[in-house]
Amino acid sequence: MPGLDLYNKTFGKKHTLADLTGQDRIVKRIERKDGQFDHGLVAAYFLRNLTTSLQALSGATLDRFENLTKALAAALPPTS
């Protein structure tokens, strides 16, 4: 589920990339169009629809998340 699609589903919008000005991060473009971006509401929608949300993620996104998780685990002190 690309970021804009997730935002649209969360807030009942129908924005397309062509509706948003600029080449910066999608969040910044949405803020210029609609005002402040509420990450919490988008995250809550993602979690409420977790099965569908996860199926929509690309393999590359899942790989990045896995690598991030491994890096965080490696940075933690060992447990005794």
PDB file of N, CA and C in Angstrom:
ATOM      1  N   MET A   1       0.861  -1.162   0.000  1.00  0.00           N
ATOM      2  CA  MET A   1       0.000   0.000   0.000  1.00  0.00           C
ATOM      3  C   MET A   1       0.911   1.229   0.000  1.00  0.00           C
ATOM      4  N   PRO A   2       1.075   1.844  -1.135  1.00  0.00           N
ATOM      5  CA  PRO A   2       1.909   3.046  -1.173  1.00  0.00           C
ATOM      6  C   PRO A   2       1.398   4.097  -0.196  1.00  0.00           C
ATOM      7  N   GLY A   3       2.294   5.011   0.209  1.00  0.00           N
ATOM      8  CA  GLY A   3       1.957   6.013   1.209  1.00  0.00           C
ATOM      9  C   GLY A   3       0.731   6.842   0.890  1.00  0.00           C
ATOM     10  N   LEU A   4       0.610   7.281  -0.343  1.00  0.00           N
ATOM     11  CA  LEU A   4      -0.529   8.124  -0.706  1.00  0.00           C
ATOM     12  C   LEU A   4      -1.826   7.332  -0.646  1.00  0.00           C
ATOM     13  N   ASP A   5      -1.791   6.083  -1.074  1.00  0.00           N
ATOM     14  CA  ASP A   5      -2.980   5.240  -1.010  1.00  0.00           C
ATOM     15  C   ASP A   5      -3.412   5.039   0.439  1.00  0.00           C
ATOM     16  N   LEU A   6      -2.452   4.812   1.309  1.00  0.00           N
ATOM     17  CA  LEU A   6      -2.741   4.634   2.731  1.00  0.00           C
ATOM     18  C   LEU A   6      -3.345   5.906   3.319  1.00  0.00           C
ATOM     19  N   TYR A   7      -2.784   7.042   2.970  1.00  0.00           N
ATOM     20  CA  TYR A   7      -3.322   8.328   3.430  1.00  0.00           C
ATOM     21  C   TYR A   7      -4.761   8.514   2.931  1.00  0.00           C
ATOM     22  N   ASN A   8      -4.981   8.263   1.647  1.00  0.00           N
ATOM     23  CA  ASN A   8      -6.315   8.420   1.075  1.00  0.00           C
ATOM     24  C   ASN A   8      -7.338   7.541   1.782  1.00  0.00           C
ATOM     25  N   LYS A   9      -6.975   6.299   2.048  1.00  0.00           N
ATOM     26  CA  LYS A   9      -7.907   5.385   2.722  1.00  0.00           C
ATOM     27  C   LYS A   9      -8.166   5.827   4.161  1.00  0.00           C
ATOM     28  N   THR A  10      -7.141   6.328   4.825  1.00  0.00           N
ATOM     29  CA  THR A  10      -7.295   6.776   6.209  1.00  0.00           C
ATOM     30  C   THR A  10      -8.264   7.943   6.316  1.00  0.00           C
ATOM     31  N   PHE A  11      -8.143   8.913   5.396  1.00  0.00           N
ATOM     32  CA  PHE A  11      -8.916  10.151   5.502  1.00  0.00           C
ATOM     33  C   PHE A  11     -10.029  10.287   4.470  1.00  0.00           C
ATOM     34  N   GLY A  12     -10.279   9.229   3.696  1.00  0.00           N
ATOM     35  CA  GLY A  12     -11.347   9.288   2.705  1.00  0.00           C
ATOM     36  C   GLY A  12     -11.062  10.274   1.582  1.00  0.00           C
ATOM     37  N   LYS A  13      -9.798  10.422   1.227  1.00  0.00           N
ATOM     38  CA  LYS A  13      -9.388  11.349   0.159  1.00  0.00           C
ATOM     39  C   LYS A  13      -9.223  10.585  -1.152  1.00  0.00           C
ATOM     40  N   LYS A  14      -9.019  11.333  -2.220  1.00  0.00           N
ATOM     41  CA  LYS A  14      -8.785  10.734  -3.535  1.00  0.00           C
ATOM     42  C   LYS A  14      -7.633  11.434  -4.247  1.00  0.00           C
ATOM     43  N   HIS A  15      -6.615  11.823  -3.484  1.00  0.00           N
ATOM     44  CA  HIS A  15      -5.469  12.512  -4.075  1.00  0.00           C
ATOM     45  C   HIS A  15      -4.694  11.579  -4.994  1.00  0.00           C
ATOM     46  N   THR A  16      -4.110  12.162  -6.034  1.00  0.00           N
ATOM     47  CA  THR A  16      -3.153  11.455  -6.876  1.00  0.00           C
ATOM     48  C   THR A  16      -1.821  12.194  -6.746  1.00  0.00           C
ATOM     49  N   LEU A  17      -0.754  11.566  -7.207  1.00  0.00           N
ATOM     50  CA  LEU A  17       0.541  12.245  -7.158  1.00  0.00           C
ATOM     51  C   LEU A  17       0.506  13.535  -7.954  1.00  0.00           C
ATOM     52  N   ALA A  18      -0.279  13.565  -9.024  1.00  0.00           N
ATOM     53  CA  ALA A  18      -0.387  14.777  -9.842  1.00  0.00           C
ATOM     54  C   ALA A  18      -1.039  15.926  -9.068  1.00  0.00           C
ATOM     55  N   ASP A  19      -1.833  15.619  -8.043  1.00  0.00           N
ATOM     56  CA  ASP A  19      -2.483  16.651  -7.225  1.00  0.00           C
ATOM     57  C   ASP A  19      -1.508  17.347  -6.282  1.00  0.00           C
ATOM     58  N   LEU A  20      -0.365  16.708  -6.022  1.00  0.00           N
ATOM     59  CA  LEU A  20       0.559  17.182  -5.001  1.00  0.00           C
ATOM     60  C   LEU A  20       1.767  17.839  -5.653  1.00  0.00           C
ATOM     61  N   THR A  21       2.091  19.034  -5.195  1.00  0.00           N
ATOM     62  CA  THR A  21       3.200  19.783  -5.784  1.00  0.00           C
ATOM     63  C   THR A  21       4.517  19.433  -5.122  1.00  0.00           C
ATOM     64  N   GLY A  22       5.593  19.542  -5.884  1.00  0.00           N
ATOM     65  CA  GLY A  22       6.937  19.346  -5.362  1.00  0.00           C
ATOM     66  C   GLY A  22       7.485  17.968  -5.671  1.00  0.00           C
ATOM     67  N   GLN A  23       8.744  17.809  -5.313  1.00  0.00           N
ATOM     68  CA  GLN A  23       9.445  16.538  -5.511  1.00  0.00           C
ATOM     69  C   GLN A  23      10.004  16.012  -4.191  1.00  0.00           C
ATOM     70  N   ASP A  24       9.617  16.629  -3.082  1.00  0.00           N
ATOM     71  CA  ASP A  24      10.120  16.217  -1.785  1.00  0.00           C
ATOM     72  C   ASP A  24       9.310  15.040  -1.246  1.00  0.00           C
ATOM     73  N   ARG A  25       9.507  14.728   0.010  1.00  0.00           N
ATOM     74  CA  ARG A  25       8.818  13.592   0.631  1.00  0.00           C
ATOM     75  C   ARG A  25       7.311  13.725   0.476  1.00  0.00           C
ATOM     76  N   ILE A  26       6.649  12.596   0.309  1.00  0.00           N
ATOM     77  CA  ILE A  26       5.200  12.575   0.094  1.00  0.00           C
ATOM     78  C   ILE A  26       4.461  13.237   1.260  1.00  0.00           C
ATOM     79  N   VAL A  27       4.967  13.059   2.476  1.00  0.00           N
ATOM     80  CA  VAL A  27       4.329  13.668   3.646  1.00  0.00           C
ATOM     81  C   VAL A  27       4.333  15.192   3.515  1.00  0.00           C
ATOM     82  N   LYS A  28       5.440  15.764   3.078  1.00  0.00           N
ATOM     83  CA  LYS A  28       5.522  17.220   2.914  1.00  0.00           C
ATOM     84  C   LYS A  28       4.564  17.703   1.832  1.00  0.00           C
ATOM     85  N   ARG A  29       4.431  16.936   0.766  1.00  0.00           N
ATOM     86  CA  ARG A  29       3.506  17.320  -0.306  1.00  0.00           C
ATOM     87  C   ARG A  29       2.059  17.257   0.174  1.00  0.00           C
ATOM     88  N   ILE A  30       1.730  16.239   0.970  1.00  0.00           N
ATOM     89  CA  ILE A  30       0.373  16.129   1.527  1.00  0.00           C
ATOM     90  C   ILE A  30       0.104  17.299   2.467  1.00  0.00           C
ATOM     91  N   GLU A  31       1.082  17.660   3.297  1.00  0.00           N
ATOM     92  CA  GLU A  31       0.908  18.786   4.221  1.00  0.00           C
ATOM     93  C   GLU A  31       0.636  20.086   3.471  1.00  0.00           C
ATOM     94  N   ARG A  32       1.303  20.297   2.342  1.00  0.00           N
ATOM     95  CA  ARG A  32       1.043  21.511   1.567  1.00  0.00           C
ATOM     96  C   ARG A  32      -0.392  21.522   1.037  1.00  0.00           C
ATOM     97  N   LYS A  33      -0.918  20.366   0.726  1.00  0.00           N
ATOM     98  CA  LYS A  33      -2.274  20.268   0.163  1.00  0.00           C
ATOM     99  C   LYS A  33      -3.347  20.327   1.251  1.00  0.00           C
ATOM    100  N   ASP A  34      -3.143  19.579   2.339  1.00  0.00           N
ATOM    101  CA  ASP A  34      -4.207  19.383   3.336  1.00  0.00           C
ATOM    102  C   ASP A  34      -3.904  19.935   4.719  1.00  0.00           C
ATOM    103  N   GLY A  35      -2.708  20.430   4.938  1.00  0.00           N
ATOM    104  CA  GLY A  35      -2.340  20.868   6.284  1.00  0.00           C
ATOM    105  C   GLY A  35      -1.555  19.791   6.995  1.00  0.00           C
ATOM    106  N   GLN A  36      -1.501  19.863   8.296  1.00  0.00           N
ATOM    107  CA  GLN A  36      -0.658  18.969   9.096  1.00  0.00           C
ATOM    108  C   GLN A  36      -0.997  17.500   8.852  1.00  0.00           C
ATOM    109  N   PHE A  37       0.041  16.689   8.736  1.00  0.00           N
ATOM    110  CA  PHE A  37      -0.080  15.251   8.508  1.00  0.00           C
ATOM    111  C   PHE A  37      -0.090  14.547   9.851  1.00  0.00           C
ATOM    112  N   ASP A  38      -1.098  13.735  10.115  1.00  0.00           N
ATOM    113  CA  ASP A  38      -1.203  13.022  11.386  1.00  0.00           C
ATOM    114  C   ASP A  38      -0.732  11.582  11.195  1.00  0.00           C
ATOM    115  N   HIS A  39       0.522  11.329  11.554  1.00  0.00           N
ATOM    116  CA  HIS A  39       1.094   9.991  11.402  1.00  0.00           C
ATOM    117  C   HIS A  39       0.348   8.955  12.238  1.00  0.00           C
ATOM    118  N   GLY A  40      -0.118   9.371  13.406  1.00  0.00           N
ATOM    119  CA  GLY A  40      -0.800   8.448  14.308  1.00  0.00           C
ATOM    120  C   GLY A  40      -2.066   7.868  13.715  1.00  0.00           C
ATOM    121  N   LEU A  41      -2.870   8.698  13.063  1.00  0.00           N
ATOM    122  CA  LEU A  41      -4.102   8.196  12.462  1.00  0.00           C
ATOM    123  C   LEU A  41      -3.817   7.258  11.295  1.00  0.00           C
ATOM    124  N   VAL A  42      -2.791   7.569  10.519  1.00  0.00           N
ATOM    125  CA  VAL A  42      -2.410   6.697   9.408  1.00  0.00           C
ATOM    126  C   VAL A  42      -1.905   5.358   9.951  1.00  0.00           C
ATOM    127  N   ALA A  43      -1.086   5.407  10.992  1.00  0.00           N
ATOM    128  CA  ALA A  43      -0.574   4.177  11.605  1.00  0.00           C
ATOM    129  C   ALA A  43      -1.712   3.340  12.186  1.00  0.00           C
ATOM    130  N   ALA A  44      -2.679   3.990  12.814  1.00  0.00           N
ATOM    131  CA  ALA A  44      -3.822   3.268  13.381  1.00  0.00           C
ATOM    132  C   ALA A  44      -4.626   2.580  12.279  1.00  0.00           C
ATOM    133  N   TYR A  45      -4.828   3.273  11.151  1.00  0.00           N
ATOM    134  CA  TYR A  45      -5.534   2.653  10.022  1.00  0.00           C
ATOM    135  C   TYR A  45      -4.750   1.431   9.534  1.00  0.00           C
ATOM    136  N   PHE A  46      -3.422   1.587   9.392  1.00  0.00           N
ATOM    137  CA  PHE A  46      -2.566   0.495   8.941  1.00  0.00           C
ATOM    138  C   PHE A  46      -2.737  -0.717   9.851  1.00  0.00           C
ATOM    139  N   LEU A  47      -2.716  -0.495  11.167  1.00  0.00           N
ATOM    140  CA  LEU A  47      -2.833  -1.596  12.118  1.00  0.00           C
ATOM    141  C   LEU A  47      -4.225  -2.207  12.146  1.00  0.00           C
ATOM    142  N   ARG A  48      -5.265  -1.390  12.024  1.00  0.00           N
ATOM    143  CA  ARG A  48      -6.635  -1.918  11.995  1.00  0.00           C
ATOM    144  C   ARG A  48      -6.861  -2.805  10.778  1.00  0.00           C
ATOM    145  N   ASN A  49      -6.126  -2.547   9.715  1.00  0.00           N
ATOM    146  CA  ASN A  49      -6.262  -3.285   8.460  1.00  0.00           C
ATOM    147  C   ASN A  49      -4.960  -4.018   8.148  1.00  0.00           C
ATOM    148  N   LEU A  50      -4.368  -4.623   9.164  1.00  0.00           N
ATOM    149  CA  LEU A  50      -3.012  -5.157   9.075  1.00  0.00           C
ATOM    150  C   LEU A  50      -2.835  -6.189   7.960  1.00  0.00           C
ATOM    151  N   THR A  51      -3.751  -7.113   7.824  1.00  0.00           N
ATOM    152  CA  THR A  51      -3.601  -8.147   6.798  1.00  0.00           C
ATOM    153  C   THR A  51      -3.533  -7.528   5.411  1.00  0.00           C
ATOM    154  N   THR A  52      -4.464  -6.657   5.111  1.00  0.00           N
ATOM    155  CA  THR A  52      -4.484  -5.985   3.808  1.00  0.00           C
ATOM    156  C   THR A  52      -3.268  -5.073   3.660  1.00  0.00           C
ATOM    157  N   SER A  53      -2.921  -4.370   4.716  1.00  0.00           N
ATOM    158  CA  SER A  53      -1.793  -3.446   4.681  1.00  0.00           C
ATOM    159  C   SER A  53      -0.490  -4.173   4.370  1.00  0.00           C
ATOM    160  N   LEU A  54      -0.250  -5.292   5.045  1.00  0.00           N
ATOM    161  CA  LEU A  54       0.990  -6.035   4.836  1.00  0.00           C
ATOM    162  C   LEU A  54       1.069  -6.624   3.435  1.00  0.00           C
ATOM    163  N   GLN A  55      -0.052  -7.098   2.927  1.00  0.00           N
ATOM    164  CA  GLN A  55      -0.071  -7.676   1.581  1.00  0.00           C
ATOM    165  C   GLN A  55       0.259  -6.638   0.516  1.00  0.00           C
ATOM    166  N   ALA A  56      -0.006  -5.385   0.804  1.00  0.00           N
ATOM    167  CA  ALA A  56       0.220  -4.329  -0.178  1.00  0.00           C
ATOM    168  C   ALA A  56       1.661  -3.815  -0.177  1.00  0.00           C
ATOM    169  N   LEU A  57       2.458  -4.195   0.819  1.00  0.00           N
ATOM    170  CA  LEU A  57       3.844  -3.723   0.886  1.00  0.00           C
ATOM    171  C   LEU A  57       4.703  -4.465  -0.134  1.00  0.00           C
ATOM    172  N   SER A  58       5.625  -3.749  -0.728  1.00  0.00           N
ATOM    173  CA  SER A  58       6.526  -4.363  -1.713  1.00  0.00           C
ATOM    174  C   SER A  58       7.577  -5.217  -1.003  1.00  0.00           C
ATOM    175  N   GLY A  59       8.181  -6.112  -1.760  1.00  0.00           N
ATOM    176  CA  GLY A  59       9.268  -6.924  -1.232  1.00  0.00           C
ATOM    177  C   GLY A  59      10.421  -6.069  -0.748  1.00  0.00           C
ATOM    178  N   ALA A  60      10.716  -4.990  -1.478  1.00  0.00           N
ATOM    179  CA  ALA A  60      11.804  -4.089  -1.093  1.00  0.00           C
ATOM    180  C   ALA A  60      11.510  -3.430   0.251  1.00  0.00           C
ATOM    181  N   THR A  61      10.263  -3.030   0.466  1.00  0.00           N
ATOM    182  CA  THR A  61       9.882  -2.413   1.739  1.00  0.00           C
ATOM    183  C   THR A  61      10.023  -3.418   2.876  1.00  0.00           C
ATOM    184  N   LEU A  62       9.577  -4.631   2.650  1.00  0.00           N
ATOM    185  CA  LEU A  62       9.702  -5.664   3.679  1.00  0.00           C
ATOM    186  C   LEU A  62      11.171  -5.973   3.970  1.00  0.00           C
ATOM    187  N   ASP A  63      12.015  -5.989   2.945  1.00  0.00           N
ATOM    188  CA  ASP A  63      13.451  -6.206   3.150  1.00  0.00           C
ATOM    189  C   ASP A  63      14.065  -5.091   3.974  1.00  0.00           C
ATOM    190  N   ARG A  64      13.693  -3.832   3.686  1.00  0.00           N
ATOM    191  CA  ARG A  64      14.224  -2.704   4.459  1.00  0.00           C
ATOM    192  C   ARG A  64      13.795  -2.798   5.921  1.00  0.00           C
ATOM    193  N   PHE A  65      12.548  -3.189   6.144  1.00  0.00           N
ATOM    194  CA  PHE A  65      12.058  -3.327   7.512  1.00  0.00           C
ATOM    195  C   PHE A  65      12.814  -4.446   8.236  1.00  0.00           C
ATOM    196  N   GLU A  66      13.043  -5.549   7.553  1.00  0.00           N
ATOM    197  CA  GLU A  66      13.790  -6.652   8.164  1.00  0.00           C
ATOM    198  C   GLU A  66      15.207  -6.210   8.517  1.00  0.00           C
ATOM    199  N   ASN A  67      15.863  -5.499   7.616  1.00  0.00           N
ATOM    200  CA  ASN A  67      17.214  -5.016   7.874  1.00  0.00           C
ATOM    201  C   ASN A  67      17.251  -4.029   9.035  1.00  0.00           C
ATOM    202  N   LEU A  68      16.247  -3.163   9.110  1.00  0.00           N
ATOM    203  CA  LEU A  68      16.157  -2.221  10.221  1.00  0.00           C
ATOM    204  C   LEU A  68      16.002  -2.968  11.546  1.00  0.00           C
ATOM    205  N   THR A  69      15.132  -3.960  11.564  1.00  0.00           N
ATOM    206  CA  THR A  69      14.907  -4.739  12.775  1.00  0.00           C
ATOM    207  C   THR A  69      16.187  -5.440  13.221  1.00  0.00           C
ATOM    208  N   LYS A  70      16.910  -6.010  12.271  1.00  0.00           N
ATOM    209  CA  LYS A  70      18.177  -6.682  12.596  1.00  0.00           C
ATOM    210  C   LYS A  70      19.196  -5.680  13.141  1.00  0.00           C
ATOM    211  N   ALA A  71      19.279  -4.499  12.540  1.00  0.00           N
ATOM    212  CA  ALA A  71      20.226  -3.489  13.002  1.00  0.00           C
ATOM    213  C   ALA A  71      19.886  -3.021  14.416  1.00  0.00           C
ATOM    214  N   LEU A  72      18.601  -2.841  14.693  1.00  0.00           N
ATOM    215  CA  LEU A  72      18.185  -2.431  16.036  1.00  0.00           C
ATOM    216  C   LEU A  72      18.524  -3.513  17.063  1.00  0.00           C
ATOM    217  N   ALA A  73      18.262  -4.766  16.701  1.00  0.00           N
ATOM    218  CA  ALA A  73      18.562  -5.873  17.615  1.00  0.00           C
ATOM    219  C   ALA A  73      20.064  -5.955  17.877  1.00  0.00           C
ATOM    220  N   ALA A  74      20.876  -5.749  16.860  1.00  0.00           N
ATOM    221  CA  ALA A  74      22.334  -5.800  17.018  1.00  0.00           C
ATOM    222  C   ALA A  74      22.848  -4.652  17.880  1.00  0.00           C
ATOM    223  N   ALA A  75      22.153  -3.534  17.901  1.00  0.00           N
ATOM    224  CA  ALA A  75      22.588  -2.370  18.657  1.00  0.00           C
ATOM    225  C   ALA A  75      22.218  -2.461  20.140  1.00  0.00           C
ATOM    226  N   LEU A  76      21.311  -3.351  20.480  1.00  0.00           N
ATOM    227  CA  LEU A  76      20.897  -3.494  21.873  1.00  0.00           C
ATOM    228  C   LEU A  76      21.974  -4.226  22.680  1.00  0.00           C
ATOM    229  N   PRO A  77      22.097  -3.863  23.946  1.00  0.00           N
ATOM    230  CA  PRO A  77      23.061  -4.599  24.780  1.00  0.00           C
ATOM    231  C   PRO A  77      22.591  -6.037  24.976  1.00  0.00           C
ATOM    232  N   PRO A  78      23.529  -6.958  25.156  1.00  0.00           N
ATOM    233  CA  PRO A  78      23.133  -8.355  25.364  1.00  0.00           C
ATOM    234  C   PRO A  78      22.327  -8.501  26.667  1.00  0.00           C
ATOM    235  N   THR A  79      21.412  -9.409  26.653  1.00  0.00           N
ATOM    236  CA  THR A  79      20.620  -9.676  27.869  1.00  0.00           C
ATOM    237  C   THR A  79      21.316 -10.770  28.665  1.00  0.00           C
ATOM    238  N   SER A  80      21.172 -10.687  29.987  1.00  0.00           N
ATOM    239  CA  SER A  80      21.842 -11.705  30.811  1.00  0.00           C
ATOM    240  C   SER A  80      20.852 -12.636  31.453  1.00  0.00           C
TER     241      SER A  80
END
